[in-house]
Each structure stands twice: as C-alpha cells, then as structure tokens.
Amino acid sequence: MLVSFLNSFMSYLMVMLVIVVVAGVATAIGINMAKKKASRNEAVAAIKGSNE
C-alpha cells in the first residue's frame, strides 16, 4: 500500500516538475523577446528622431 502511494506521489511530482520547467522556459523566452522588442523600438525611435 505504501509503495503504491509513493509511486503515485512520485509520478505526480515528476509531472509537476515538467510543468514548472516548461513554464520557466516559456517565461525566459518571453522576457527575452520583450527585451529585444523594446530595444528595437528604441532604435527605431532614435532613428526617426535624428531624421527630423
């Protein structure tokens, strides 16, 4: 009985770990993309400002 419970517990723990890792990677990619977009927008604004 205890072995069955530990087996189920470890199974759910592994699923939770995979979900946390995927969420962490998605968050890191999103932050990286947001920073790139912000720096690109600043560069475009600087170029437009120097032309006027």
PDB file of N, CA and C in Angstrom:
ATOM      1  N   MET A   1       0.822  -1.197   0.000  1.00  0.00           N
ATOM      2  CA  MET A   1       0.000   0.000   0.000  1.00  0.00           C
ATOM      3  C   MET A   1       0.864   1.258   0.000  1.00  0.00           C
ATOM      4  N   LEU A   2       1.868   1.278   0.858  1.00  0.00           N
ATOM      5  CA  LEU A   2       2.760   2.441   0.941  1.00  0.00           C
ATOM      6  C   LEU A   2       3.546   2.605  -0.357  1.00  0.00           C
ATOM      7  N   VAL A   3       3.966   1.492  -0.940  1.00  0.00           N
ATOM      8  CA  VAL A   3       4.734   1.557  -2.186  1.00  0.00           C
ATOM      9  C   VAL A   3       3.873   2.130  -3.309  1.00  0.00           C
ATOM     10  N   SER A   4       2.624   1.732  -3.352  1.00  0.00           N
ATOM     11  CA  SER A   4       1.705   2.244  -4.364  1.00  0.00           C
ATOM     12  C   SER A   4       1.505   3.753  -4.195  1.00  0.00           C
ATOM     13  N   PHE A   5       1.349   4.185  -2.949  1.00  0.00           N
ATOM     14  CA  PHE A   5       1.184   5.617  -2.694  1.00  0.00           C
ATOM     15  C   PHE A   5       2.431   6.391  -3.114  1.00  0.00           C
ATOM     16  N   LEU A   6       3.607   5.882  -2.756  1.00  0.00           N
ATOM     17  CA  LEU A   6       4.851   6.574  -3.122  1.00  0.00           C
ATOM     18  C   LEU A   6       5.037   6.605  -4.636  1.00  0.00           C
ATOM     19  N   ASN A   7       4.631   5.540  -5.313  1.00  0.00           N
ATOM     20  CA  ASN A   7       4.736   5.502  -6.767  1.00  0.00           C
ATOM     21  C   ASN A   7       3.844   6.576  -7.392  1.00  0.00           C
ATOM     22  N   SER A   8       2.620   6.689  -6.928  1.00  0.00           N
ATOM     23  CA  SER A   8       1.708   7.710  -7.444  1.00  0.00           C
ATOM     24  C   SER A   8       2.219   9.109  -7.112  1.00  0.00           C
ATOM     25  N   PHE A   9       2.722   9.288  -5.899  1.00  0.00           N
ATOM     26  CA  PHE A   9       3.234  10.588  -5.468  1.00  0.00           C
ATOM     27  C   PHE A   9       4.404  11.021  -6.343  1.00  0.00           C
ATOM     28  N   MET A  10       5.325  10.102  -6.595  1.00  0.00           N
ATOM     29  CA  MET A  10       6.488  10.435  -7.427  1.00  0.00           C
ATOM     30  C   MET A  10       6.068  10.722  -8.869  1.00  0.00           C
ATOM     31  N   SER A  11       5.048  10.021  -9.337  1.00  0.00           N
ATOM     32  CA  SER A  11       4.558  10.256 -10.688  1.00  0.00           C
ATOM     33  C   SER A  11       4.002  11.680 -10.809  1.00  0.00           C
ATOM     34  N   TYR A  12       3.169  12.065  -9.862  1.00  0.00           N
ATOM     35  CA  TYR A  12       2.623  13.432  -9.891  1.00  0.00           C
ATOM     36  C   TYR A  12       3.715  14.475  -9.679  1.00  0.00           C
ATOM     37  N   LEU A  13       4.706  14.143  -8.871  1.00  0.00           N
ATOM     38  CA  LEU A  13       5.819  15.068  -8.639  1.00  0.00           C
ATOM     39  C   LEU A  13       6.599  15.299  -9.930  1.00  0.00           C
ATOM     40  N   MET A  14       6.808  14.236 -10.698  1.00  0.00           N
ATOM     41  CA  MET A  14       7.529  14.383 -11.965  1.00  0.00           C
ATOM     42  C   MET A  14       6.714  15.208 -12.968  1.00  0.00           C
ATOM     43  N   VAL A  15       5.408  15.002 -13.009  1.00  0.00           N
ATOM     44  CA  VAL A  15       4.560  15.791 -13.906  1.00  0.00           C
ATOM     45  C   VAL A  15       4.621  17.263 -13.505  1.00  0.00           C
ATOM     46  N   MET A  16       4.562  17.531 -12.214  1.00  0.00           N
ATOM     47  CA  MET A  16       4.638  18.915 -11.739  1.00  0.00           C
ATOM     48  C   MET A  16       5.987  19.539 -12.081  1.00  0.00           C
ATOM     49  N   LEU A  17       7.049  18.762 -11.956  1.00  0.00           N
ATOM     50  CA  LEU A  17       8.384  19.262 -12.276  1.00  0.00           C
ATOM     51  C   LEU A  17       8.483  19.616 -13.757  1.00  0.00           C
ATOM     52  N   VAL A  18       7.918  18.785 -14.628  1.00  0.00           N
ATOM     53  CA  VAL A  18       7.942  19.067 -16.066  1.00  0.00           C
ATOM     54  C   VAL A  18       7.158  20.339 -16.373  1.00  0.00           C
ATOM     55  N   ILE A  19       5.997  20.503 -15.730  1.00  0.00           N
ATOM     56  CA  ILE A  19       5.191  21.701 -15.943  1.00  0.00           C
ATOM     57  C   ILE A  19       5.950  22.948 -15.500  1.00  0.00           C
ATOM     58  N   VAL A  20       6.618  22.880 -14.356  1.00  0.00           N
ATOM     59  CA  VAL A  20       7.380  24.027 -13.843  1.00  0.00           C
ATOM     60  C   VAL A  20       8.537  24.365 -14.781  1.00  0.00           C
ATOM     61  N   VAL A  21       9.221  23.355 -15.293  1.00  0.00           N
ATOM     62  CA  VAL A  21      10.344  23.602 -16.211  1.00  0.00           C
ATOM     63  C   VAL A  21       9.846  24.245 -17.506  1.00  0.00           C
ATOM     64  N   VAL A  22       8.752  23.740 -18.059  1.00  0.00           N
ATOM     65  CA  VAL A  22       8.206  24.307 -19.298  1.00  0.00           C
ATOM     66  C   VAL A  22       7.761  25.753 -19.070  1.00  0.00           C
ATOM     67  N   ALA A  23       7.124  26.007 -17.933  1.00  0.00           N
ATOM     68  CA  ALA A  23       6.700  27.375 -17.622  1.00  0.00           C
ATOM     69  C   ALA A  23       7.902  28.299 -17.456  1.00  0.00           C
ATOM     70  N   GLY A  24       8.955  27.815 -16.825  1.00  0.00           N
ATOM     71  CA  GLY A  24      10.168  28.624 -16.658  1.00  0.00           C
ATOM     72  C   GLY A  24      10.826  28.956 -17.985  1.00  0.00           C
ATOM     73  N   VAL A  25      10.898  27.980 -18.863  1.00  0.00           N
ATOM     74  CA  VAL A  25      11.492  28.218 -20.184  1.00  0.00           C
ATOM     75  C   VAL A  25      10.633  29.205 -20.980  1.00  0.00           C
ATOM     76  N   ALA A  26       9.322  29.051 -20.916  1.00  0.00           N
ATOM     77  CA  ALA A  26       8.430  29.964 -21.632  1.00  0.00           C
ATOM     78  C   ALA A  26       8.556  31.385 -21.091  1.00  0.00           C
ATOM     79  N   THR A  27       8.686  31.523 -19.775  1.00  0.00           N
ATOM     80  CA  THR A  27       8.854  32.844 -19.170  1.00  0.00           C
ATOM     81  C   THR A  27      10.166  33.472 -19.617  1.00  0.00           C
ATOM     82  N   ALA A  28      11.241  32.685 -19.612  1.00  0.00           N
ATOM     83  CA  ALA A  28      12.539  33.207 -20.038  1.00  0.00           C
ATOM     84  C   ALA A  28      12.509  33.641 -21.497  1.00  0.00           C
ATOM     85  N   ILE A  29      11.871  32.850 -22.353  1.00  0.00           N
ATOM     86  CA  ILE A  29      11.772  33.214 -23.771  1.00  0.00           C
ATOM     87  C   ILE A  29      10.943  34.484 -23.932  1.00  0.00           C
ATOM     88  N   GLY A  30       9.848  34.595 -23.183  1.00  0.00           N
ATOM     89  CA  GLY A  30       9.001  35.788 -23.267  1.00  0.00           C
ATOM     90  C   GLY A  30       9.717  37.043 -22.821  1.00  0.00           C
ATOM     91  N   ILE A  31      10.471  36.954 -21.737  1.00  0.00           N
ATOM     92  CA  ILE A  31      11.233  38.116 -21.257  1.00  0.00           C
ATOM     93  C   ILE A  31      12.281  38.515 -22.287  1.00  0.00           C
ATOM     94  N   ASN A  32      12.954  37.525 -22.848  1.00  0.00           N
ATOM     95  CA  ASN A  32      13.981  37.798 -23.854  1.00  0.00           C
ATOM     96  C   ASN A  32      13.373  38.475 -25.081  1.00  0.00           C
ATOM     97  N   MET A  33      12.221  37.977 -25.542  1.00  0.00           N
ATOM     98  CA  MET A  33      11.566  38.588 -26.707  1.00  0.00           C
ATOM     99  C   MET A  33      11.093  40.006 -26.400  1.00  0.00           C
ATOM    100  N   ALA A  34      10.587  40.238 -25.192  1.00  0.00           N
ATOM    101  CA  ALA A  34      10.119  41.579 -24.822  1.00  0.00           C
ATOM    102  C   ALA A  34      11.287  42.564 -24.788  1.00  0.00           C
ATOM    103  N   LYS A  35      12.423  42.113 -24.268  1.00  0.00           N
ATOM    104  CA  LYS A  35      13.607  42.996 -24.233  1.00  0.00           C
ATOM    105  C   LYS A  35      14.091  43.328 -25.641  1.00  0.00           C
ATOM    106  N   LYS A  36      14.103  42.334 -26.527  1.00  0.00           N
ATOM    107  CA  LYS A  36      14.526  42.584 -27.912  1.00  0.00           C
ATOM    108  C   LYS A  36      13.584  43.559 -28.605  1.00  0.00           C
ATOM    109  N   LYS A  37      12.283  43.401 -28.378  1.00  0.00           N
ATOM    110  CA  LYS A  37      11.302  44.291 -28.995  1.00  0.00           C
ATOM    111  C   LYS A  37      11.466  45.712 -28.472  1.00  0.00           C
ATOM    112  N   ALA A  38      11.701  45.852 -27.172  1.00  0.00           N
ATOM    113  CA  ALA A  38      11.861  47.178 -26.583  1.00  0.00           C
ATOM    114  C   ALA A  38      13.115  47.861 -27.131  1.00  0.00           C
ATOM    115  N   SER A  39      14.207  47.120 -27.244  1.00  0.00           N
ATOM    116  CA  SER A  39      15.428  47.730 -27.761  1.00  0.00           C
ATOM    117  C   SER A  39      15.278  48.086 -29.242  1.00  0.00           C
ATOM    118  N   ARG A  40      14.545  47.262 -29.987  1.00  0.00           N
ATOM    119  CA  ARG A  40      14.312  47.571 -31.406  1.00  0.00           C
ATOM    120  C   ARG A  40      13.447  48.818 -31.537  1.00  0.00           C
ATOM    121  N   ASN A  41      12.425  48.961 -30.686  1.00  0.00           N
ATOM    122  CA  ASN A  41      11.570  50.147 -30.727  1.00  0.00           C
ATOM    123  C   ASN A  41      12.345  51.407 -30.349  1.00  0.00           C
ATOM    124  N   GLU A  42      13.261  51.286 -29.383  1.00  0.00           N
ATOM    125  CA  GLU A  42      14.093  52.438 -29.016  1.00  0.00           C
ATOM    126  C   GLU A  42      14.996  52.842 -30.168  1.00  0.00           C
ATOM    127  N   ALA A  43      15.548  51.855 -30.882  1.00  0.00           N
ATOM    128  CA  ALA A  43      16.432  52.155 -32.010  1.00  0.00           C
ATOM    129  C   ALA A  43      15.650  52.836 -33.129  1.00  0.00           C
ATOM    130  N   VAL A  44      14.441  52.370 -33.389  1.00  0.00           N
ATOM    131  CA  VAL A  44      13.611  52.989 -34.428  1.00  0.00           C
ATOM    132  C   VAL A  44      13.242  54.407 -34.026  1.00  0.00           C
ATOM    133  N   ALA A  45      12.921  54.618 -32.761  1.00  0.00           N
ATOM    134  CA  ALA A  45      12.575  55.959 -32.289  1.00  0.00           C
ATOM    135  C   ALA A  45      13.786  56.897 -32.395  1.00  0.00           C
ATOM    136  N   ALA A  46      14.965  56.379 -32.104  1.00  0.00           N
ATOM    137  CA  ALA A  46      16.176  57.210 -32.208  1.00  0.00           C
ATOM    138  C   ALA A  46      16.450  57.587 -33.651  1.00  0.00           C
ATOM    139  N   ILE A  47      16.235  56.662 -34.552  1.00  0.00           N
ATOM    140  CA  ILE A  47      16.458  56.943 -35.975  1.00  0.00           C
ATOM    141  C   ILE A  47      15.448  57.975 -36.478  1.00  0.00           C
ATOM    142  N   LYS A  48      14.196  57.787 -36.107  1.00  0.00           N
ATOM    143  CA  LYS A  48      13.159  58.750 -36.522  1.00  0.00           C
ATOM    144  C   LYS A  48      13.418  60.125 -35.928  1.00  0.00           C
ATOM    145  N   GLY A  49      13.897  60.168 -34.702  1.00  0.00           N
ATOM    146  CA  GLY A  49      14.170  61.451 -34.057  1.00  0.00           C
ATOM    147  C   GLY A  49      15.348  62.185 -34.694  1.00  0.00           C
ATOM    148  N   SER A  50      16.338  61.447 -35.176  1.00  0.00           N
ATOM    149  CA  SER A  50      17.505  62.097 -35.784  1.00  0.00           C
ATOM    150  C   SER A  50      17.209  62.581 -37.197  1.00  0.00           C
ATOM    151  N   ASN A  51      16.206  62.020 -37.841  1.00  0.00           N
ATOM    152  CA  ASN A  51      15.861  62.432 -39.210  1.00  0.00           C
ATOM    153  C   ASN A  51      15.075  63.726 -39.240  1.00  0.00           C
ATOM    154  N   GLU A  52      14.411  64.059 -38.172  1.00  0.00           N
ATOM    155  CA  GLU A  52      13.546  65.241 -38.189  1.00  0.00           C
ATOM    156  C   GLU A  52      14.273  66.511 -37.865  1.00  0.00           C
TER     157      GLU A  52
END
